[in-house]
Amino acid sequence: SSTNYADSVKGRFTISRDNAKITVYLQMNNLQ
């Protein structure tokens, strides 16, 4: 669960994963 973000999306996007479901998510807020 160590994460890295592009500077352009820091503070707006959040990446997460559910290892049990083997799924990754990208929550995108304040889209431009």
PDB file of all heavy atoms in Angstrom:
ATOM      1  N   SER A   1       0.787  -1.236   0.000  1.00  0.00           N
ATOM      2  CA  SER A   1       0.000   0.000   0.000  1.00  0.00           C
ATOM      3  C   SER A   1       0.817   1.283   0.000  1.00  0.00           C
ATOM      4  O   SER A   1       0.297   2.348   0.341  1.00  0.00           O
ATOM      5  CB  SER A   1      -0.987   0.018   1.178  1.00  0.00           C
ATOM      6  OG  SER A   1      -1.909  -1.048   1.066  1.00  0.00           O
ATOM      7  N   SER A   2       2.071   1.204  -0.403  1.00  0.00           N
ATOM      8  CA  SER A   2       2.847   2.418  -0.625  1.00  0.00           C
ATOM      9  C   SER A   2       2.368   3.064  -1.924  1.00  0.00           C
ATOM     10  O   SER A   2       2.212   2.380  -2.938  1.00  0.00           O
ATOM     11  CB  SER A   2       4.333   2.094  -0.717  1.00  0.00           C
ATOM     12  OG  SER A   2       5.086   3.254  -0.993  1.00  0.00           O
ATOM     13  N   THR A   3       2.131   4.375  -1.906  1.00  0.00           N
ATOM     14  CA  THR A   3       1.537   5.046  -3.058  1.00  0.00           C
ATOM     15  C   THR A   3       2.420   6.152  -3.609  1.00  0.00           C
ATOM     16  O   THR A   3       3.239   6.736  -2.901  1.00  0.00           O
ATOM     17  CB  THR A   3       0.172   5.648  -2.700  1.00  0.00           C
ATOM     18  OG1 THR A   3       0.329   6.595  -1.638  1.00  0.00           O
ATOM     19  CG2 THR A   3      -0.792   4.561  -2.263  1.00  0.00           C
ATOM     20  N   ASN A   4       2.217   6.441  -4.882  1.00  0.00           N
ATOM     21  CA  ASN A   4       2.867   7.553  -5.556  1.00  0.00           C
ATOM     22  C   ASN A   4       1.851   8.220  -6.472  1.00  0.00           C
ATOM     23  O   ASN A   4       1.002   7.545  -7.064  1.00  0.00           O
ATOM     24  CB  ASN A   4       4.071   7.082  -6.375  1.00  0.00           C
ATOM     25  CG  ASN A   4       5.261   6.738  -5.521  1.00  0.00           C
ATOM     26  OD1 ASN A   4       5.921   7.615  -4.977  1.00  0.00           O
ATOM     27  ND2 ASN A   4       5.551   5.452  -5.386  1.00  0.00           N
ATOM     28  N   TYR A   5       1.958   9.541  -6.595  1.00  0.00           N
ATOM     29  CA  TYR A   5       1.029  10.303  -7.416  1.00  0.00           C
ATOM     30  C   TYR A   5       1.763  11.288  -8.301  1.00  0.00           C
ATOM     31  O   TYR A   5       2.803  11.829  -7.926  1.00  0.00           O
ATOM     32  CB  TYR A   5       0.049  11.092  -6.546  1.00  0.00           C
ATOM     33  CG  TYR A   5      -0.857  10.250  -5.698  1.00  0.00           C
ATOM     34  CD1 TYR A   5      -0.500   9.915  -4.394  1.00  0.00           C
ATOM     35  CD2 TYR A   5      -2.077   9.795  -6.193  1.00  0.00           C
ATOM     36  CE1 TYR A   5      -1.336   9.136  -3.611  1.00  0.00           C
ATOM     37  CE2 TYR A   5      -2.913   9.022  -5.409  1.00  0.00           C
ATOM     38  CZ  TYR A   5      -2.542   8.696  -4.122  1.00  0.00           C
ATOM     39  OH  TYR A   5      -3.374   7.929  -3.342  1.00  0.00           O
ATOM     40  N   ALA A   6       1.194  11.534  -9.468  1.00  0.00           N
ATOM     41  CA  ALA A   6       1.675  12.620 -10.297  1.00  0.00           C
ATOM     42  C   ALA A   6       1.385  13.938  -9.595  1.00  0.00           C
ATOM     43  O   ALA A   6       0.369  14.077  -8.906  1.00  0.00           O
ATOM     44  CB  ALA A   6       0.998  12.592 -11.661  1.00  0.00           C
ATOM     45  N   ASP A   7       2.269  14.909  -9.772  1.00  0.00           N
ATOM     46  CA  ASP A   7       2.083  16.195  -9.113  1.00  0.00           C
ATOM     47  C   ASP A   7       0.747  16.838  -9.473  1.00  0.00           C
ATOM     48  O   ASP A   7       0.133  17.518  -8.645  1.00  0.00           O
ATOM     49  CB  ASP A   7       3.221  17.153  -9.481  1.00  0.00           C
ATOM     50  CG  ASP A   7       4.535  16.768  -8.838  1.00  0.00           C
ATOM     51  OD1 ASP A   7       4.527  16.022  -7.843  1.00  0.00           O
ATOM     52  OD2 ASP A   7       5.583  17.232  -9.336  1.00  0.00           O
ATOM     53  N   SER A   8       0.287  16.615 -10.679  1.00  0.00           N
ATOM     54  CA  SER A   8      -0.934  17.250 -11.155  1.00  0.00           C
ATOM     55  C   SER A   8      -2.202  16.749 -10.462  1.00  0.00           C
ATOM     56  O   SER A   8      -3.240  17.410 -10.536  1.00  0.00           O
ATOM     57  CB  SER A   8      -1.077  17.059 -12.665  1.00  0.00           C
ATOM     58  OG  SER A   8      -1.127  15.684 -13.000  1.00  0.00           O
ATOM     59  N   VAL A   9      -2.127  15.597  -9.793  1.00  0.00           N
ATOM     60  CA  VAL A   9      -3.319  15.034  -9.161  1.00  0.00           C
ATOM     61  C   VAL A   9      -3.207  14.924  -7.651  1.00  0.00           C
ATOM     62  O   VAL A   9      -4.179  14.520  -6.995  1.00  0.00           O
ATOM     63  CB  VAL A   9      -3.671  13.654  -9.748  1.00  0.00           C
ATOM     64  CG1 VAL A   9      -3.787  13.727 -11.260  1.00  0.00           C
ATOM     65  CG2 VAL A   9      -2.643  12.603  -9.332  1.00  0.00           C
ATOM     66  N   LYS A  10      -2.070  15.277  -7.086  1.00  0.00           N
ATOM     67  CA  LYS A  10      -1.889  15.187  -5.644  1.00  0.00           C
ATOM     68  C   LYS A  10      -2.930  16.030  -4.917  1.00  0.00           C
ATOM     69  O   LYS A  10      -3.186  17.172  -5.279  1.00  0.00           O
ATOM     70  CB  LYS A  10      -0.487  15.643  -5.243  1.00  0.00           C
ATOM     71  CG  LYS A  10       0.604  14.656  -5.595  1.00  0.00           C
ATOM     72  CD  LYS A  10       1.968  15.165  -5.144  1.00  0.00           C
ATOM     73  CE  LYS A  10       3.058  14.157  -5.467  1.00  0.00           C
ATOM     74  NZ  LYS A  10       4.400  14.654  -5.075  1.00  0.00           N
ATOM     75  N   GLY A  11      -3.515  15.441  -3.902  1.00  0.00           N
ATOM     76  CA  GLY A  11      -4.542  16.125  -3.138  1.00  0.00           C
ATOM     77  C   GLY A  11      -5.931  15.970  -3.696  1.00  0.00           C
ATOM     78  O   GLY A  11      -6.909  16.319  -3.021  1.00  0.00           O
ATOM     79  N   ARG A  12      -6.060  15.468  -4.913  1.00  0.00           N
ATOM     80  CA  ARG A  12      -7.366  15.288  -5.540  1.00  0.00           C
ATOM     81  C   ARG A  12      -7.706  13.828  -5.802  1.00  0.00           C
ATOM     82  O   ARG A  12      -8.863  13.436  -5.701  1.00  0.00           O
ATOM     83  CB  ARG A  12      -7.428  16.055  -6.866  1.00  0.00           C
ATOM     84  CG  ARG A  12      -7.227  17.557  -6.721  1.00  0.00           C
ATOM     85  CD  ARG A  12      -7.497  18.284  -8.032  1.00  0.00           C
ATOM     86  NE  ARG A  12      -6.554  17.887  -9.081  1.00  0.00           N
ATOM     87  CZ  ARG A  12      -6.902  17.341 -10.239  1.00  0.00           C
ATOM     88  NH1 ARG A  12      -8.193  17.123 -10.505  1.00  0.00           N
ATOM     89  NH2 ARG A  12      -5.986  17.027 -11.140  1.00  0.00           N
ATOM     90  N   PHE A  13      -6.706  13.042  -6.156  1.00  0.00           N
ATOM     91  CA  PHE A  13      -6.919  11.633  -6.477  1.00  0.00           C
ATOM     92  C   PHE A  13      -6.373  10.749  -5.362  1.00  0.00           C
ATOM     93  O   PHE A  13      -5.368  11.080  -4.720  1.00  0.00           O
ATOM     94  CB  PHE A  13      -6.201  11.246  -7.773  1.00  0.00           C
ATOM     95  CG  PHE A  13      -6.774  11.852  -9.025  1.00  0.00           C
ATOM     96  CD1 PHE A  13      -7.742  12.851  -8.983  1.00  0.00           C
ATOM     97  CD2 PHE A  13      -6.332  11.411 -10.264  1.00  0.00           C
ATOM     98  CE1 PHE A  13      -8.257  13.407 -10.143  1.00  0.00           C
ATOM     99  CE2 PHE A  13      -6.837  11.955 -11.431  1.00  0.00           C
ATOM    100  CZ  PHE A  13      -7.796  12.950 -11.374  1.00  0.00           C
ATOM    101  N   THR A  14      -7.014   9.610  -5.164  1.00  0.00           N
ATOM    102  CA  THR A  14      -6.559   8.637  -4.188  1.00  0.00           C
ATOM    103  C   THR A  14      -6.613   7.241  -4.797  1.00  0.00           C
ATOM    104  O   THR A  14      -7.659   6.812  -5.276  1.00  0.00           O
ATOM    105  CB  THR A  14      -7.415   8.660  -2.914  1.00  0.00           C
ATOM    106  OG1 THR A  14      -7.389   9.966  -2.333  1.00  0.00           O
ATOM    107  CG2 THR A  14      -6.870   7.658  -1.893  1.00  0.00           C
ATOM    108  N   ILE A  15      -5.487   6.546  -4.769  1.00  0.00           N
ATOM    109  CA  ILE A  15      -5.444   5.174  -5.247  1.00  0.00           C
ATOM    110  C   ILE A  15      -5.502   4.233  -4.047  1.00  0.00           C
ATOM    111  O   ILE A  15      -4.917   4.510  -3.003  1.00  0.00           O
ATOM    112  CB  ILE A  15      -4.181   4.909  -6.094  1.00  0.00           C
ATOM    113  CG1 ILE A  15      -4.248   3.525  -6.746  1.00  0.00           C
ATOM    114  CG2 ILE A  15      -2.911   5.074  -5.272  1.00  0.00           C
ATOM    115  CD1 ILE A  15      -3.151   3.284  -7.776  1.00  0.00           C
ATOM    116  N   SER A  16      -6.221   3.146  -4.191  1.00  0.00           N
ATOM    117  CA  SER A  16      -6.336   2.167  -3.122  1.00  0.00           C
ATOM    118  C   SER A  16      -6.509   0.784  -3.728  1.00  0.00           C
ATOM    119  O   SER A  16      -6.782   0.654  -4.920  1.00  0.00           O
ATOM    120  CB  SER A  16      -7.504   2.498  -2.185  1.00  0.00           C
ATOM    121  OG  SER A  16      -8.730   2.468  -2.882  1.00  0.00           O
ATOM    122  N   ARG A  17      -6.359  -0.231  -2.906  1.00  0.00           N
ATOM    123  CA  ARG A  17      -6.517  -1.591  -3.400  1.00  0.00           C
ATOM    124  C   ARG A  17      -7.194  -2.468  -2.369  1.00  0.00           C
ATOM    125  O   ARG A  17      -7.069  -2.258  -1.160  1.00  0.00           O
ATOM    126  CB  ARG A  17      -5.162  -2.183  -3.806  1.00  0.00           C
ATOM    127  CG  ARG A  17      -4.163  -2.331  -2.665  1.00  0.00           C
ATOM    128  CD  ARG A  17      -2.772  -2.696  -3.201  1.00  0.00           C
ATOM    129  NE  ARG A  17      -2.746  -4.015  -3.814  1.00  0.00           N
ATOM    130  CZ  ARG A  17      -1.782  -4.455  -4.611  1.00  0.00           C
ATOM    131  NH1 ARG A  17      -0.762  -3.664  -4.917  1.00  0.00           N
ATOM    132  NH2 ARG A  17      -1.833  -5.682  -5.110  1.00  0.00           N
ATOM    133  N   ASP A  18      -7.902  -3.448  -2.872  1.00  0.00           N
ATOM    134  CA  ASP A  18      -8.543  -4.458  -2.050  1.00  0.00           C
ATOM    135  C   ASP A  18      -7.908  -5.776  -2.451  1.00  0.00           C
ATOM    136  O   ASP A  18      -8.241  -6.341  -3.491  1.00  0.00           O
ATOM    137  CB  ASP A  18     -10.048  -4.478  -2.278  1.00  0.00           C
ATOM    138  CG  ASP A  18     -10.769  -5.445  -1.363  1.00  0.00           C
ATOM    139  OD1 ASP A  18     -10.175  -6.439  -0.931  1.00  0.00           O
ATOM    140  OD2 ASP A  18     -11.962  -5.202  -1.079  1.00  0.00           O
ATOM    141  N   ASN A  19      -6.990  -6.257  -1.639  1.00  0.00           N
ATOM    142  CA  ASN A  19      -6.255  -7.465  -1.996  1.00  0.00           C
ATOM    143  C   ASN A  19      -7.145  -8.708  -2.018  1.00  0.00           C
ATOM    144  O   ASN A  19      -6.893  -9.635  -2.782  1.00  0.00           O
ATOM    145  CB  ASN A  19      -5.089  -7.671  -1.028  1.00  0.00           C
ATOM    146  CG  ASN A  19      -3.987  -6.655  -1.226  1.00  0.00           C
ATOM    147  OD1 ASN A  19      -3.770  -6.156  -2.338  1.00  0.00           O
ATOM    148  ND2 ASN A  19      -3.270  -6.339  -0.155  1.00  0.00           N
ATOM    149  N   ALA A  20      -8.168  -8.735  -1.188  1.00  0.00           N
ATOM    150  CA  ALA A  20      -9.079  -9.871  -1.178  1.00  0.00           C
ATOM    151  C   ALA A  20      -9.847  -9.967  -2.490  1.00  0.00           C
ATOM    152  O   ALA A  20     -10.089 -11.062  -3.002  1.00  0.00           O
ATOM    153  CB  ALA A  20     -10.042  -9.772  -0.001  1.00  0.00           C
ATOM    154  N   LYS A  21     -10.241  -8.815  -3.030  1.00  0.00           N
ATOM    155  CA  LYS A  21     -10.971  -8.779  -4.296  1.00  0.00           C
ATOM    156  C   LYS A  21     -10.053  -8.636  -5.501  1.00  0.00           C
ATOM    157  O   LYS A  21     -10.514  -8.678  -6.639  1.00  0.00           O
ATOM    158  CB  LYS A  21     -11.973  -7.625  -4.290  1.00  0.00           C
ATOM    159  CG  LYS A  21     -13.071  -7.757  -3.250  1.00  0.00           C
ATOM    160  CD  LYS A  21     -14.031  -6.581  -3.327  1.00  0.00           C
ATOM    161  CE  LYS A  21     -15.150  -6.720  -2.313  1.00  0.00           C
ATOM    162  NZ  LYS A  21     -16.094  -5.572  -2.375  1.00  0.00           N
ATOM    163  N   ILE A  22      -8.767  -8.454  -5.233  1.00  0.00           N
ATOM    164  CA  ILE A  22      -7.767  -8.242  -6.281  1.00  0.00           C
ATOM    165  C   ILE A  22      -8.235  -7.115  -7.204  1.00  0.00           C
ATOM    166  O   ILE A  22      -8.320  -7.263  -8.426  1.00  0.00           O
ATOM    167  CB  ILE A  22      -7.503  -9.533  -7.078  1.00  0.00           C
ATOM    168  CG1 ILE A  22      -7.342 -10.730  -6.143  1.00  0.00           C
ATOM    169  CG2 ILE A  22      -6.227  -9.377  -7.921  1.00  0.00           C
ATOM    170  CD1 ILE A  22      -7.122 -12.048  -6.850  1.00  0.00           C
ATOM    171  N   THR A  23      -8.525  -5.992  -6.601  1.00  0.00           N
ATOM    172  CA  THR A  23      -9.058  -4.843  -7.309  1.00  0.00           C
ATOM    173  C   THR A  23      -8.328  -3.579  -6.871  1.00  0.00           C
ATOM    174  O   THR A  23      -7.989  -3.426  -5.698  1.00  0.00           O
ATOM    175  CB  THR A  23     -10.561  -4.682  -7.030  1.00  0.00           C
ATOM    176  OG1 THR A  23     -11.248  -5.877  -7.416  1.00  0.00           O
ATOM    177  CG2 THR A  23     -11.134  -3.507  -7.799  1.00  0.00           C
ATOM    178  N   VAL A  24      -8.098  -2.687  -7.814  1.00  0.00           N
ATOM    179  CA  VAL A  24      -7.513  -1.393  -7.514  1.00  0.00           C
ATOM    180  C   VAL A  24      -8.515  -0.312  -7.892  1.00  0.00           C
ATOM    181  O   VAL A  24      -9.258  -0.454  -8.874  1.00  0.00           O
ATOM    182  CB  VAL A  24      -6.162  -1.186  -8.244  1.00  0.00           C
ATOM    183  CG1 VAL A  24      -6.349  -1.159  -9.757  1.00  0.00           C
ATOM    184  CG2 VAL A  24      -5.484   0.096  -7.768  1.00  0.00           C
ATOM    185  N   TYR A  25      -8.538   0.755  -7.107  1.00  0.00           N
ATOM    186  CA  TYR A  25      -9.476   1.839  -7.323  1.00  0.00           C
ATOM    187  C   TYR A  25      -8.731   3.157  -7.481  1.00  0.00           C
ATOM    188  O   TYR A  25      -7.628   3.334  -6.976  1.00  0.00           O
ATOM    189  CB  TYR A  25     -10.441   1.973  -6.141  1.00  0.00           C
ATOM    190  CG  TYR A  25     -11.197   0.714  -5.819  1.00  0.00           C
ATOM    191  CD1 TYR A  25     -10.715  -0.182  -4.867  1.00  0.00           C
ATOM    192  CD2 TYR A  25     -12.395   0.414  -6.461  1.00  0.00           C
ATOM    193  CE1 TYR A  25     -11.406  -1.342  -4.564  1.00  0.00           C
ATOM    194  CE2 TYR A  25     -13.089  -0.739  -6.164  1.00  0.00           C
ATOM    195  CZ  TYR A  25     -12.594  -1.618  -5.218  1.00  0.00           C
ATOM    196  OH  TYR A  25     -13.289  -2.770  -4.922  1.00  0.00           O
ATOM    197  N   LEU A  26      -9.353   4.075  -8.169  1.00  0.00           N
ATOM    198  CA  LEU A  26      -8.849   5.434  -8.256  1.00  0.00           C
ATOM    199  C   LEU A  26     -10.014   6.377  -7.999  1.00  0.00           C
ATOM    200  O   LEU A  26     -10.898   6.525  -8.845  1.00  0.00           O
ATOM    201  CB  LEU A  26      -8.228   5.727  -9.628  1.00  0.00           C
ATOM    202  CG  LEU A  26      -7.585   7.107  -9.770  1.00  0.00           C
ATOM    203  CD1 LEU A  26      -6.344   7.214  -8.877  1.00  0.00           C
ATOM    204  CD2 LEU A  26      -7.221   7.395 -11.220  1.00  0.00           C
ATOM    205  N   GLN A  27     -10.021   6.974  -6.821  1.00  0.00           N
ATOM    206  CA  GLN A  27     -11.028   7.969  -6.480  1.00  0.00           C
ATOM    207  C   GLN A  27     -10.546   9.316  -6.975  1.00  0.00           C
ATOM    208  O   GLN A  27      -9.481   9.778  -6.578  1.00  0.00           O
ATOM    209  CB  GLN A  27     -11.253   8.009  -4.967  1.00  0.00           C
ATOM    210  CG  GLN A  27     -12.271   9.036  -4.512  1.00  0.00           C
ATOM    211  CD  GLN A  27     -13.674   8.723  -4.980  1.00  0.00           C
ATOM    212  OE1 GLN A  27     -14.119   7.583  -4.881  1.00  0.00           O
ATOM    213  NE2 GLN A  27     -14.369   9.728  -5.507  1.00  0.00           N
ATOM    214  N   MET A  28     -11.320   9.940  -7.843  1.00  0.00           N
ATOM    215  CA  MET A  28     -10.940  11.201  -8.454  1.00  0.00           C
ATOM    216  C   MET A  28     -11.922  12.282  -8.016  1.00  0.00           C
ATOM    217  O   MET A  28     -13.100  12.231  -8.365  1.00  0.00           O
ATOM    218  CB  MET A  28     -10.921  11.085  -9.982  1.00  0.00           C
ATOM    219  CG  MET A  28     -10.021   9.969 -10.491  1.00  0.00           C
ATOM    220  SD  MET A  28      -9.903   9.931 -12.307  1.00  0.00           S
ATOM    221  CE  MET A  28     -11.592   9.474 -12.708  1.00  0.00           C
ATOM    222  N   ASN A  29     -11.421  13.240  -7.260  1.00  0.00           N
ATOM    223  CA  ASN A  29     -12.233  14.344  -6.780  1.00  0.00           C
ATOM    224  C   ASN A  29     -11.785  15.651  -7.409  1.00  0.00           C
ATOM    225  O   ASN A  29     -10.646  15.778  -7.869  1.00  0.00           O
ATOM    226  CB  ASN A  29     -12.139  14.456  -5.257  1.00  0.00           C
ATOM    227  CG  ASN A  29     -12.682  13.242  -4.541  1.00  0.00           C
ATOM    228  OD1 ASN A  29     -13.629  12.605  -5.000  1.00  0.00           O
ATOM    229  ND2 ASN A  29     -12.088  12.917  -3.391  1.00  0.00           N
ATOM    230  N   ASN A  30     -12.672  16.622  -7.394  1.00  0.00           N
ATOM    231  CA  ASN A  30     -12.383  17.941  -7.962  1.00  0.00           C
ATOM    232  C   ASN A  30     -11.783  17.822  -9.358  1.00  0.00           C
ATOM    233  O   ASN A  30     -10.753  18.422  -9.671  1.00  0.00           O
ATOM    234  CB  ASN A  30     -11.449  18.724  -7.037  1.00  0.00           C
ATOM    235  CG  ASN A  30     -11.339  20.187  -7.416  1.00  0.00           C
ATOM    236  OD1 ASN A  30     -12.238  20.749  -8.034  1.00  0.00           O
ATOM    237  ND2 ASN A  30     -10.216  20.807  -7.050  1.00  0.00           N
ATOM    238  N   LEU A  31     -12.447  17.067 -10.195  1.00  0.00           N
ATOM    239  CA  LEU A  31     -11.959  16.859 -11.559  1.00  0.00           C
ATOM    240  C   LEU A  31     -11.954  18.163 -12.347  1.00  0.00           C
ATOM    241  O   LEU A  31     -12.843  18.999 -12.193  1.00  0.00           O
ATOM    242  CB  LEU A  31     -12.814  15.822 -12.264  1.00  0.00           C
ATOM    243  CG  LEU A  31     -12.540  14.376 -11.844  1.00  0.00           C
ATOM    244  CD1 LEU A  31     -13.698  13.469 -12.215  1.00  0.00           C
ATOM    245  CD2 LEU A  31     -11.249  13.886 -12.494  1.00  0.00           C
ATOM    246  N   GLN A  32     -10.962  18.301 -13.192  1.00  0.00           N
ATOM    247  CA  GLN A  32     -10.783  19.481 -14.023  1.00  0.00           C
ATOM    248  C   GLN A  32     -10.695  19.075 -15.481  1.00  0.00           C
ATOM    249  O   GLN A  32     -10.371  17.927 -15.792  1.00  0.00           O
ATOM    250  CB  GLN A  32      -9.519  20.234 -13.603  1.00  0.00           C
ATOM    251  CG  GLN A  32      -9.518  20.702 -12.162  1.00  0.00           C
ATOM    252  CD  GLN A  32     -10.640  21.670 -11.870  1.00  0.00           C
ATOM    253  OE1 GLN A  32     -10.854  22.631 -12.615  1.00  0.00           O
ATOM    254  NE2 GLN A  32     -11.375  21.437 -10.794  1.00  0.00           N
TER     255      GLN A  32
END
